[in-house]
Structures are given as C-alpha cells and as structure tokens.
mmCIF file of all heavy atoms, coordinates in Angstrom:
data_MODEL
# 
_entry.id   MODEL 
# 
loop_
_atom_site.group_PDB 
_atom_site.id 
_atom_site.type_symbol 
_atom_site.label_atom_id 
_atom_site.label_alt_id 
_atom_site.label_comp_id 
_atom_site.label_asym_id 
_atom_site.label_entity_id 
_atom_site.label_seq_id 
_atom_site.pdbx_PDB_ins_code 
_atom_site.Cartn_x 
_atom_site.Cartn_y 
_atom_site.Cartn_z 
_atom_site.occupancy 
_atom_site.B_iso_or_equiv 
_atom_site.pdbx_formal_charge 
_atom_site.auth_seq_id 
_atom_site.auth_comp_id 
_atom_site.auth_asym_id 
_atom_site.auth_atom_id 
_atom_site.pdbx_PDB_model_num 
ATOM 1   N N   . ILE A 1 1  ? 0.913   -1.131 0.016   1.00 0.00 ? 1  ILE A N   1 
ATOM 2   C CA  . ILE A 1 1  ? 0.020   0.064  0.009   1.00 0.00 ? 1  ILE A CA  1 
ATOM 3   C C   . ILE A 1 1  ? 0.864   1.272  -0.002  1.00 0.00 ? 1  ILE A C   1 
ATOM 4   O O   . ILE A 1 1  ? 1.814   1.390  0.837   1.00 0.00 ? 1  ILE A O   1 
ATOM 5   C CB  . ILE A 1 1  ? -0.961  0.067  1.247   1.00 0.00 ? 1  ILE A CB  1 
ATOM 6   C CG1 . ILE A 1 1  ? -1.664  -1.313 1.368   1.00 0.00 ? 1  ILE A CG1 1 
ATOM 7   C CG2 . ILE A 1 1  ? -1.843  1.164  1.214   1.00 0.00 ? 1  ILE A CG2 1 
ATOM 8   C CD1 . ILE A 1 1  ? -2.297  -1.516 2.736   1.00 0.00 ? 1  ILE A CD1 1 
ATOM 9   N N   . LYS A 1 2  ? 0.689   2.074  -1.024  1.00 0.00 ? 2  LYS A N   1 
ATOM 10  C CA  . LYS A 1 2  ? 1.432   3.243  -1.057  1.00 0.00 ? 2  LYS A CA  1 
ATOM 11  C C   . LYS A 1 2  ? 1.298   4.145  0.182   1.00 0.00 ? 2  LYS A C   1 
ATOM 12  O O   . LYS A 1 2  ? 0.101   4.226  0.748   1.00 0.00 ? 2  LYS A O   1 
ATOM 13  C CB  . LYS A 1 2  ? 1.145   4.140  -2.307  1.00 0.00 ? 2  LYS A CB  1 
ATOM 14  C CG  . LYS A 1 2  ? 1.506   3.501  -3.569  1.00 0.00 ? 2  LYS A CG  1 
ATOM 15  C CD  . LYS A 1 2  ? 0.996   4.291  -4.789  1.00 0.00 ? 2  LYS A CD  1 
ATOM 16  C CE  . LYS A 1 2  ? 1.358   3.559  -6.131  1.00 0.00 ? 2  LYS A CE  1 
ATOM 17  N NZ  . LYS A 1 2  ? 0.829   4.202  -7.225  1.00 0.00 ? 2  LYS A NZ  1 
ATOM 18  N N   . GLU A 1 3  ? 2.246   4.867  0.550   1.00 0.00 ? 3  GLU A N   1 
ATOM 19  C CA  . GLU A 1 3  ? 2.169   5.721  1.849   1.00 0.00 ? 3  GLU A CA  1 
ATOM 20  C C   . GLU A 1 3  ? 1.074   6.664  1.885   1.00 0.00 ? 3  GLU A C   1 
ATOM 21  O O   . GLU A 1 3  ? 0.350   6.902  2.802   1.00 0.00 ? 3  GLU A O   1 
ATOM 22  C CB  . GLU A 1 3  ? 3.607   6.468  1.956   1.00 0.00 ? 3  GLU A CB  1 
ATOM 23  C CG  . GLU A 1 3  ? 3.615   7.121  3.470   1.00 0.00 ? 3  GLU A CG  1 
ATOM 24  C CD  . GLU A 1 3  ? 5.050   7.663  3.743   1.00 0.00 ? 3  GLU A CD  1 
ATOM 25  O OE1 . GLU A 1 3  ? 5.936   7.273  3.073   1.00 0.00 ? 3  GLU A OE1 1 
ATOM 26  O OE2 . GLU A 1 3  ? 5.108   8.617  4.506   1.00 0.00 ? 3  GLU A OE2 1 
ATOM 27  N N   . GLU A 1 4  ? 0.821   7.277  0.725   1.00 0.00 ? 4  GLU A N   1 
ATOM 28  C CA  . GLU A 1 4  ? -0.242  8.285  0.654   1.00 0.00 ? 4  GLU A CA  1 
ATOM 29  C C   . GLU A 1 4  ? -1.705  7.636  0.789   1.00 0.00 ? 4  GLU A C   1 
ATOM 30  O O   . GLU A 1 4  ? -2.662  8.368  1.023   1.00 0.00 ? 4  GLU A O   1 
ATOM 31  C CB  . GLU A 1 4  ? -0.247  9.127  -0.727  1.00 0.00 ? 4  GLU A CB  1 
ATOM 32  C CG  . GLU A 1 4  ? -0.310  8.300  -1.876  1.00 0.00 ? 4  GLU A CG  1 
ATOM 33  C CD  . GLU A 1 4  ? 0.938   7.857  -2.569  1.00 0.00 ? 4  GLU A CD  1 
ATOM 34  O OE1 . GLU A 1 4  ? 1.992   7.879  -1.833  1.00 0.00 ? 4  GLU A OE1 1 
ATOM 35  O OE2 . GLU A 1 4  ? 0.767   7.497  -3.874  1.00 0.00 ? 4  GLU A OE2 1 
ATOM 36  N N   . ASN A 1 5  ? -1.883  6.304  0.608   1.00 0.00 ? 5  ASN A N   1 
ATOM 37  C CA  . ASN A 1 5  ? -3.060  5.630  0.826   1.00 0.00 ? 5  ASN A CA  1 
ATOM 38  C C   . ASN A 1 5  ? -3.259  5.088  2.166   1.00 0.00 ? 5  ASN A C   1 
ATOM 39  O O   . ASN A 1 5  ? -4.351  4.628  2.469   1.00 0.00 ? 5  ASN A O   1 
ATOM 40  C CB  . ASN A 1 5  ? -3.055  4.584  -0.307  1.00 0.00 ? 5  ASN A CB  1 
ATOM 41  C CG  . ASN A 1 5  ? -3.322  5.239  -1.697  1.00 0.00 ? 5  ASN A CG  1 
ATOM 42  O OD1 . ASN A 1 5  ? -3.919  6.271  -1.809  1.00 0.00 ? 5  ASN A OD1 1 
ATOM 43  N ND2 . ASN A 1 5  ? -2.889  4.388  -2.698  1.00 0.00 ? 5  ASN A ND2 1 
ATOM 44  N N   . LEU A 1 6  ? -2.079  4.854  2.863   1.00 0.00 ? 6  LEU A N   1 
ATOM 45  C CA  . LEU A 1 6  ? -2.205  4.178  4.266   1.00 0.00 ? 6  LEU A CA  1 
ATOM 46  C C   . LEU A 1 6  ? -3.315  4.750  5.150   1.00 0.00 ? 6  LEU A C   1 
ATOM 47  O O   . LEU A 1 6  ? -4.006  3.993  5.752   1.00 0.00 ? 6  LEU A O   1 
ATOM 48  C CB  . LEU A 1 6  ? -0.922  4.237  4.947   1.00 0.00 ? 6  LEU A CB  1 
ATOM 49  C CG  . LEU A 1 6  ? 0.104   3.104  4.538   1.00 0.00 ? 6  LEU A CG  1 
ATOM 50  C CD1 . LEU A 1 6  ? 1.387   3.273  5.355   1.00 0.00 ? 6  LEU A CD1 1 
ATOM 51  C CD2 . LEU A 1 6  ? -0.586  1.750  4.867   1.00 0.00 ? 6  LEU A CD2 1 
ATOM 52  N N   . GLY A 1 7  ? -3.453  6.094  5.150   1.00 0.00 ? 7  GLY A N   1 
ATOM 53  C CA  . GLY A 1 7  ? -4.449  6.780  6.003   1.00 0.00 ? 7  GLY A CA  1 
ATOM 54  C C   . GLY A 1 7  ? -5.968  6.643  5.402   1.00 0.00 ? 7  GLY A C   1 
ATOM 55  O O   . GLY A 1 7  ? -6.859  6.972  6.168   1.00 0.00 ? 7  GLY A O   1 
ATOM 56  N N   . LYS A 1 8  ? -6.098  6.070  4.225   1.00 0.00 ? 8  LYS A N   1 
ATOM 57  C CA  . LYS A 1 8  ? -7.365  6.120  3.707   1.00 0.00 ? 8  LYS A CA  1 
ATOM 58  C C   . LYS A 1 8  ? -7.955  4.646  3.614   1.00 0.00 ? 8  LYS A C   1 
ATOM 59  O O   . LYS A 1 8  ? -9.086  4.540  3.274   1.00 0.00 ? 8  LYS A O   1 
ATOM 60  C CB  . LYS A 1 8  ? -7.360  6.605  2.286   1.00 0.00 ? 8  LYS A CB  1 
ATOM 61  C CG  . LYS A 1 8  ? -6.817  7.932  1.938   1.00 0.00 ? 8  LYS A CG  1 
ATOM 62  C CD  . LYS A 1 8  ? -6.746  8.379  0.578   1.00 0.00 ? 8  LYS A CD  1 
ATOM 63  C CE  . LYS A 1 8  ? -5.700  9.264  0.215   1.00 0.00 ? 8  LYS A CE  1 
ATOM 64  N NZ  . LYS A 1 8  ? -5.637  9.328  -1.210  1.00 0.00 ? 8  LYS A NZ  1 
ATOM 65  N N   . ILE A 1 9  ? -7.102  3.594  3.848   1.00 0.00 ? 9  ILE A N   1 
ATOM 66  C CA  . ILE A 1 9  ? -7.581  2.239  3.606   1.00 0.00 ? 9  ILE A CA  1 
ATOM 67  C C   . ILE A 1 9  ? -8.757  1.804  4.460   1.00 0.00 ? 9  ILE A C   1 
ATOM 68  O O   . ILE A 1 9  ? -9.472  0.908  4.093   1.00 0.00 ? 9  ILE A O   1 
ATOM 69  C CB  . ILE A 1 9  ? -6.476  1.192  3.835   1.00 0.00 ? 9  ILE A CB  1 
ATOM 70  C CG1 . ILE A 1 9  ? -5.832  1.194  5.178   1.00 0.00 ? 9  ILE A CG1 1 
ATOM 71  C CG2 . ILE A 1 9  ? -5.374  1.508  2.716   1.00 0.00 ? 9  ILE A CG2 1 
ATOM 72  C CD1 . ILE A 1 9  ? -4.937  0.010  5.394   1.00 0.00 ? 9  ILE A CD1 1 
ATOM 73  N N   . PHE A 1 10 ? -9.066  2.510  5.642   1.00 0.00 ? 10 PHE A N   1 
ATOM 74  C CA  . PHE A 1 10 ? -10.152 2.117  6.336   1.00 0.00 ? 10 PHE A CA  1 
ATOM 75  C C   . PHE A 1 10 ? -11.353 2.918  6.115   1.00 0.00 ? 10 PHE A C   1 
ATOM 76  O O   . PHE A 1 10 ? -12.404 2.775  6.760   1.00 0.00 ? 10 PHE A O   1 
ATOM 77  C CB  . PHE A 1 10 ? -9.828  2.193  7.914   1.00 0.00 ? 10 PHE A CB  1 
ATOM 78  C CG  . PHE A 1 10 ? -8.757  1.288  8.293   1.00 0.00 ? 10 PHE A CG  1 
ATOM 79  C CD1 . PHE A 1 10 ? -7.616  1.616  8.922   1.00 0.00 ? 10 PHE A CD1 1 
ATOM 80  C CD2 . PHE A 1 10 ? -8.982  -0.227 8.173   1.00 0.00 ? 10 PHE A CD2 1 
ATOM 81  C CE1 . PHE A 1 10 ? -6.604  0.735  9.303   1.00 0.00 ? 10 PHE A CE1 1 
ATOM 82  C CE2 . PHE A 1 10 ? -7.919  -1.052 8.488   1.00 0.00 ? 10 PHE A CE2 1 
ATOM 83  C CZ  . PHE A 1 10 ? -6.745  -0.592 9.016   1.00 0.00 ? 10 PHE A CZ  1 
ATOM 84  N N   . ASP A 1 11 ? -11.251 3.887  5.092   1.00 0.00 ? 11 ASP A N   1 
ATOM 85  C CA  . ASP A 1 11 ? -12.382 4.644  4.752   1.00 0.00 ? 11 ASP A CA  1 
ATOM 86  C C   . ASP A 1 11 ? -13.416 3.853  3.932   1.00 0.00 ? 11 ASP A C   1 
ATOM 87  O O   . ASP A 1 11 ? -12.966 3.166  3.033   1.00 0.00 ? 11 ASP A O   1 
ATOM 88  C CB  . ASP A 1 11 ? -11.994 5.823  3.878   1.00 0.00 ? 11 ASP A CB  1 
ATOM 89  C CG  . ASP A 1 11 ? -11.172 6.798  4.781   1.00 0.00 ? 11 ASP A CG  1 
ATOM 90  O OD1 . ASP A 1 11 ? -11.074 6.823  5.969   1.00 0.00 ? 11 ASP A OD1 1 
ATOM 91  O OD2 . ASP A 1 11 ? -10.532 7.775  4.229   1.00 0.00 ? 11 ASP A OD2 1 
ATOM 92  N N   . PRO A 1 12 ? -14.708 4.078  4.072   1.00 0.00 ? 12 PRO A N   1 
ATOM 93  C CA  . PRO A 1 12 ? -15.669 3.334  3.321   1.00 0.00 ? 12 PRO A CA  1 
ATOM 94  C C   . PRO A 1 12 ? -15.513 3.704  1.858   1.00 0.00 ? 12 PRO A C   1 
ATOM 95  O O   . PRO A 1 12 ? -15.342 4.860  1.456   1.00 0.00 ? 12 PRO A O   1 
ATOM 96  C CB  . PRO A 1 12 ? -16.929 3.837  3.733   1.00 0.00 ? 12 PRO A CB  1 
ATOM 97  C CG  . PRO A 1 12 ? -16.784 4.286  5.108   1.00 0.00 ? 12 PRO A CG  1 
ATOM 98  C CD  . PRO A 1 12 ? -15.277 4.886  5.166   1.00 0.00 ? 12 PRO A CD  1 
ATOM 99  N N   . PHE A 1 13 ? -15.509 2.712  0.980   1.00 0.00 ? 13 PHE A N   1 
ATOM 100 C CA  . PHE A 1 13 ? -15.419 2.781  -0.510  1.00 0.00 ? 13 PHE A CA  1 
ATOM 101 C C   . PHE A 1 13 ? -14.119 3.129  -1.093  1.00 0.00 ? 13 PHE A C   1 
ATOM 102 O O   . PHE A 1 13 ? -14.029 3.317  -2.192  1.00 0.00 ? 13 PHE A O   1 
ATOM 103 C CB  . PHE A 1 13 ? -16.425 3.757  -0.964  1.00 0.00 ? 13 PHE A CB  1 
ATOM 104 C CG  . PHE A 1 13 ? -17.822 3.418  -0.609  1.00 0.00 ? 13 PHE A CG  1 
ATOM 105 C CD1 . PHE A 1 13 ? -18.554 4.141  0.345   1.00 0.00 ? 13 PHE A CD1 1 
ATOM 106 C CD2 . PHE A 1 13 ? -18.527 2.237  -1.140  1.00 0.00 ? 13 PHE A CD2 1 
ATOM 107 C CE1 . PHE A 1 13 ? -19.860 3.845  0.811   1.00 0.00 ? 13 PHE A CE1 1 
ATOM 108 C CE2 . PHE A 1 13 ? -19.824 1.856  -0.627  1.00 0.00 ? 13 PHE A CE2 1 
ATOM 109 C CZ  . PHE A 1 13 ? -20.433 2.667  0.306   1.00 0.00 ? 13 PHE A CZ  1 
ATOM 110 N N   . PHE A 1 14 ? -13.097 3.197  -0.116  1.00 0.00 ? 14 PHE A N   1 
ATOM 111 C CA  . PHE A 1 14 ? -11.750 3.508  -0.741  1.00 0.00 ? 14 PHE A CA  1 
ATOM 112 C C   . PHE A 1 14 ? -11.170 2.162  -1.233  1.00 0.00 ? 14 PHE A C   1 
ATOM 113 O O   . PHE A 1 14 ? -11.078 1.199  -0.442  1.00 0.00 ? 14 PHE A O   1 
ATOM 114 C CB  . PHE A 1 14 ? -10.799 4.157  0.221   1.00 0.00 ? 14 PHE A CB  1 
ATOM 115 C CG  . PHE A 1 14 ? -9.468  4.346  -0.238  1.00 0.00 ? 14 PHE A CG  1 
ATOM 116 C CD1 . PHE A 1 14 ? -9.000  5.512  -1.155  1.00 0.00 ? 14 PHE A CD1 1 
ATOM 117 C CD2 . PHE A 1 14 ? -8.426  3.390  -0.017  1.00 0.00 ? 14 PHE A CD2 1 
ATOM 118 C CE1 . PHE A 1 14 ? -7.936  5.518  -1.694  1.00 0.00 ? 14 PHE A CE1 1 
ATOM 119 C CE2 . PHE A 1 14 ? -7.156  3.540  -0.505  1.00 0.00 ? 14 PHE A CE2 1 
ATOM 120 C CZ  . PHE A 1 14 ? -6.904  4.592  -1.282  1.00 0.00 ? 14 PHE A CZ  1 
ATOM 121 N N   . THR A 1 15 ? -10.633 2.112  -2.396  1.00 0.00 ? 15 THR A N   1 
ATOM 122 C CA  . THR A 1 15 ? -10.031 0.813  -2.865  1.00 0.00 ? 15 THR A CA  1 
ATOM 123 C C   . THR A 1 15 ? -8.861  1.410  -3.745  1.00 0.00 ? 15 THR A C   1 
ATOM 124 O O   . THR A 1 15 ? -9.009  2.240  -4.542  1.00 0.00 ? 15 THR A O   1 
ATOM 125 C CB  . THR A 1 15 ? -11.045 -0.008 -3.569  1.00 0.00 ? 15 THR A CB  1 
ATOM 126 O OG1 . THR A 1 15 ? -10.364 -1.238 -3.906  1.00 0.00 ? 15 THR A OG1 1 
ATOM 127 C CG2 . THR A 1 15 ? -11.630 0.536  -4.773  1.00 0.00 ? 15 THR A CG2 1 
ATOM 128 N N   . THR A 1 16 ? -7.896  0.288  -3.893  1.00 0.00 ? 16 THR A N   1 
ATOM 129 C CA  . THR A 1 16 ? -6.872  0.540  -4.810  1.00 0.00 ? 16 THR A CA  1 
ATOM 130 C C   . THR A 1 16 ? -6.991  -0.541 -5.759  1.00 0.00 ? 16 THR A C   1 
ATOM 131 O O   . THR A 1 16 ? -6.201  -0.496 -6.859  1.00 0.00 ? 16 THR A O   1 
ATOM 132 C CB  . THR A 1 16 ? -5.440  0.378  -4.034  1.00 0.00 ? 16 THR A CB  1 
ATOM 133 O OG1 . THR A 1 16 ? -5.435  -0.992 -3.524  1.00 0.00 ? 16 THR A OG1 1 
ATOM 134 C CG2 . THR A 1 16 ? -5.138  1.374  -3.043  1.00 0.00 ? 16 THR A CG2 1 
ATOM 135 N N   . LYS A 1 17 ? -7.922  -1.390 -5.749  1.00 0.00 ? 17 LYS A N   1 
ATOM 136 C CA  . LYS A 1 17 ? -8.188  -2.400 -6.769  1.00 0.00 ? 17 LYS A CA  1 
ATOM 137 C C   . LYS A 1 17 ? -8.815  -1.793 -8.022  1.00 0.00 ? 17 LYS A C   1 
ATOM 138 O O   . LYS A 1 17 ? -9.483  -0.639 -8.053  1.00 0.00 ? 17 LYS A O   1 
ATOM 139 C CB  . LYS A 1 17 ? -9.080  -3.453 -6.234  1.00 0.00 ? 17 LYS A CB  1 
ATOM 140 C CG  . LYS A 1 17 ? -8.487  -4.279 -5.161  1.00 0.00 ? 17 LYS A CG  1 
ATOM 141 C CD  . LYS A 1 17 ? -9.382  -5.353 -4.691  1.00 0.00 ? 17 LYS A CD  1 
ATOM 142 C CE  . LYS A 1 17 ? -8.646  -6.164 -3.579  1.00 0.00 ? 17 LYS A CE  1 
ATOM 143 N NZ  . LYS A 1 17 ? -9.590  -7.148 -3.027  1.00 0.00 ? 17 LYS A NZ  1 
ATOM 144 N N   . GLU A 1 18 ? -8.759  -2.509 -9.226  1.00 0.00 ? 18 GLU A N   1 
ATOM 145 C CA  . GLU A 1 18 ? -9.354  -2.060 -10.382 1.00 0.00 ? 18 GLU A CA  1 
ATOM 146 C C   . GLU A 1 18 ? -10.916 -2.018 -10.290 1.00 0.00 ? 18 GLU A C   1 
ATOM 147 O O   . GLU A 1 18 ? -11.413 -2.643 -9.461  1.00 0.00 ? 18 GLU A O   1 
ATOM 148 C CB  . GLU A 1 18 ? -8.912  -2.948 -11.583 1.00 0.00 ? 18 GLU A CB  1 
ATOM 149 C CG  . GLU A 1 18 ? -7.376  -3.035 -11.827 1.00 0.00 ? 18 GLU A CG  1 
ATOM 150 C CD  . GLU A 1 18 ? -6.918  -1.683 -12.404 1.00 0.00 ? 18 GLU A CD  1 
ATOM 151 O OE1 . GLU A 1 18 ? -7.542  -1.157 -13.158 1.00 0.00 ? 18 GLU A OE1 1 
ATOM 152 O OE2 . GLU A 1 18 ? -5.849  -1.300 -12.063 1.00 0.00 ? 18 GLU A OE2 1 
ATOM 153 N N   . ILE A 1 19 ? -11.437 -1.178 -11.072 1.00 0.00 ? 19 ILE A N   1 
ATOM 154 C CA  . ILE A 1 19 ? -12.918 -1.145 -11.114 1.00 0.00 ? 19 ILE A CA  1 
ATOM 155 C C   . ILE A 1 19 ? -13.528 -2.516 -11.355 1.00 0.00 ? 19 ILE A C   1 
ATOM 156 O O   . ILE A 1 19 ? -12.997 -3.319 -12.229 1.00 0.00 ? 19 ILE A O   1 
ATOM 157 C CB  . ILE A 1 19 ? -13.429 -0.207 -12.327 1.00 0.00 ? 19 ILE A CB  1 
ATOM 158 C CG1 . ILE A 1 19 ? -13.050 1.241  -11.943 1.00 0.00 ? 19 ILE A CG1 1 
ATOM 159 C CG2 . ILE A 1 19 ? -14.805 -0.283 -12.432 1.00 0.00 ? 19 ILE A CG2 1 
ATOM 160 C CD1 . ILE A 1 19 ? -13.314 2.233  -13.002 1.00 0.00 ? 19 ILE A CD1 1 
ATOM 161 N N   . GLY A 1 20 ? -14.404 -2.958 -10.492 1.00 0.00 ? 20 GLY A N   1 
ATOM 162 C CA  . GLY A 1 20 ? -15.062 -4.264 -10.729 1.00 0.00 ? 20 GLY A CA  1 
ATOM 163 C C   . GLY A 1 20 ? -14.370 -5.244 -9.856  1.00 0.00 ? 20 GLY A C   1 
ATOM 164 O O   . GLY A 1 20 ? -14.935 -6.427 -9.791  1.00 0.00 ? 20 GLY A O   1 
ATOM 165 N N   . GLU A 1 21 ? -13.208 -5.011 -9.295  1.00 0.00 ? 21 GLU A N   1 
ATOM 166 C CA  . GLU A 1 21 ? -12.526 -5.935 -8.497  1.00 0.00 ? 21 GLU A CA  1 
ATOM 167 C C   . GLU A 1 21 ? -12.649 -5.838 -6.960  1.00 0.00 ? 21 GLU A C   1 
ATOM 168 O O   . GLU A 1 21 ? -12.417 -6.708 -6.190  1.00 0.00 ? 21 GLU A O   1 
ATOM 169 C CB  . GLU A 1 21 ? -11.069 -5.961 -8.752  1.00 0.00 ? 21 GLU A CB  1 
ATOM 170 C CG  . GLU A 1 21 ? -10.633 -6.432 -10.037 1.00 0.00 ? 21 GLU A CG  1 
ATOM 171 C CD  . GLU A 1 21 ? -9.197  -6.487 -10.390 1.00 0.00 ? 21 GLU A CD  1 
ATOM 172 O OE1 . GLU A 1 21 ? -8.393  -6.458 -9.348  1.00 0.00 ? 21 GLU A OE1 1 
ATOM 173 O OE2 . GLU A 1 21 ? -8.774  -6.373 -11.510 1.00 0.00 ? 21 GLU A OE2 1 
ATOM 174 N N   . GLY A 1 22 ? -13.219 -4.688 -6.458  1.00 0.00 ? 22 GLY A N   1 
ATOM 175 C CA  . GLY A 1 22 ? -13.510 -4.461 -5.106  1.00 0.00 ? 22 GLY A CA  1 
ATOM 176 C C   . GLY A 1 22 ? -14.285 -3.276 -4.827  1.00 0.00 ? 22 GLY A C   1 
ATOM 177 O O   . GLY A 1 22 ? -14.461 -2.408 -5.717  1.00 0.00 ? 22 GLY A O   1 
ATOM 178 N N   . THR A 1 23 ? -14.973 -3.286 -3.689  1.00 0.00 ? 23 THR A N   1 
ATOM 179 C CA  . THR A 1 23 ? -15.916 -2.221 -3.318  1.00 0.00 ? 23 THR A CA  1 
ATOM 180 C C   . THR A 1 23 ? -15.327 -1.180 -2.433  1.00 0.00 ? 23 THR A C   1 
ATOM 181 O O   . THR A 1 23 ? -15.927 -0.172 -2.185  1.00 0.00 ? 23 THR A O   1 
ATOM 182 C CB  . THR A 1 23 ? -17.180 -2.871 -2.736  1.00 0.00 ? 23 THR A CB  1 
ATOM 183 O OG1 . THR A 1 23 ? -16.772 -3.419 -1.424  1.00 0.00 ? 23 THR A OG1 1 
ATOM 184 C CG2 . THR A 1 23 ? -18.016 -3.786 -3.411  1.00 0.00 ? 23 THR A CG2 1 
ATOM 185 N N   . GLY A 1 24 ? -14.237 -1.625 -1.825  1.00 0.00 ? 24 GLY A N   1 
ATOM 186 C CA  . GLY A 1 24 ? -13.605 -0.565 -0.855  1.00 0.00 ? 24 GLY A CA  1 
ATOM 187 C C   . GLY A 1 24 ? -14.356 -0.834 0.571   1.00 0.00 ? 24 GLY A C   1 
ATOM 188 O O   . GLY A 1 24 ? -14.233 0.261  1.234   1.00 0.00 ? 24 GLY A O   1 
ATOM 189 N N   . LEU A 1 25 ? -15.021 -1.753 0.810   1.00 0.00 ? 25 LEU A N   1 
ATOM 190 C CA  . LEU A 1 25 ? -15.817 -1.860 2.085   1.00 0.00 ? 25 LEU A CA  1 
ATOM 191 C C   . LEU A 1 25 ? -15.099 -2.788 3.034   1.00 0.00 ? 25 LEU A C   1 
ATOM 192 O O   . LEU A 1 25 ? -15.303 -2.712 4.289   1.00 0.00 ? 25 LEU A O   1 
ATOM 193 C CB  . LEU A 1 25 ? -17.204 -2.359 1.810   1.00 0.00 ? 25 LEU A CB  1 
ATOM 194 C CG  . LEU A 1 25 ? -18.006 -1.307 1.133   1.00 0.00 ? 25 LEU A CG  1 
ATOM 195 C CD1 . LEU A 1 25 ? -19.443 -1.839 0.717   1.00 0.00 ? 25 LEU A CD1 1 
ATOM 196 C CD2 . LEU A 1 25 ? -18.163 -0.040 2.004   1.00 0.00 ? 25 LEU A CD2 1 
ATOM 197 N N   . GLY A 1 26 ? -14.306 -3.819 2.511   1.00 0.00 ? 26 GLY A N   1 
ATOM 198 C CA  . GLY A 1 26 ? -13.791 -4.912 3.384   1.00 0.00 ? 26 GLY A CA  1 
ATOM 199 C C   . GLY A 1 26 ? -12.976 -4.416 4.599   1.00 0.00 ? 26 GLY A C   1 
ATOM 200 O O   . GLY A 1 26 ? -13.208 -4.851 5.733   1.00 0.00 ? 26 GLY A O   1 
ATOM 201 N N   . LEU A 1 27 ? -12.036 -3.515 4.309   1.00 0.00 ? 27 LEU A N   1 
ATOM 202 C CA  . LEU A 1 27 ? -11.186 -3.066 5.467   1.00 0.00 ? 27 LEU A CA  1 
ATOM 203 C C   . LEU A 1 27 ? -11.995 -2.088 6.300   1.00 0.00 ? 27 LEU A C   1 
ATOM 204 O O   . LEU A 1 27 ? -11.755 -2.065 7.600   1.00 0.00 ? 27 LEU A O   1 
ATOM 205 C CB  . LEU A 1 27 ? -9.918  -2.466 5.045   1.00 0.00 ? 27 LEU A CB  1 
ATOM 206 C CG  . LEU A 1 27 ? -8.897  -3.341 4.286   1.00 0.00 ? 27 LEU A CG  1 
ATOM 207 C CD1 . LEU A 1 27 ? -7.784  -2.568 3.770   1.00 0.00 ? 27 LEU A CD1 1 
ATOM 208 C CD2 . LEU A 1 27 ? -8.501  -4.377 5.423   1.00 0.00 ? 27 LEU A CD2 1 
# 
C-alpha cells in the first residue's frame, strides 16, 4: 500500500483495486 493511501484504507469505499474488483468496504 502506497504511503499516501495508508491513511485512507479504512475509509468506506476507498479501494486501490481495479474497477469491478473491489468495493472498498472490506477493510
């Protein structure tokens, strides 16, 4: 996980996955 994204990974709907691969809700 890139440093600039570490603070966002627990935010609802934030994902680093491609479109269709993740909703950004799991974490």
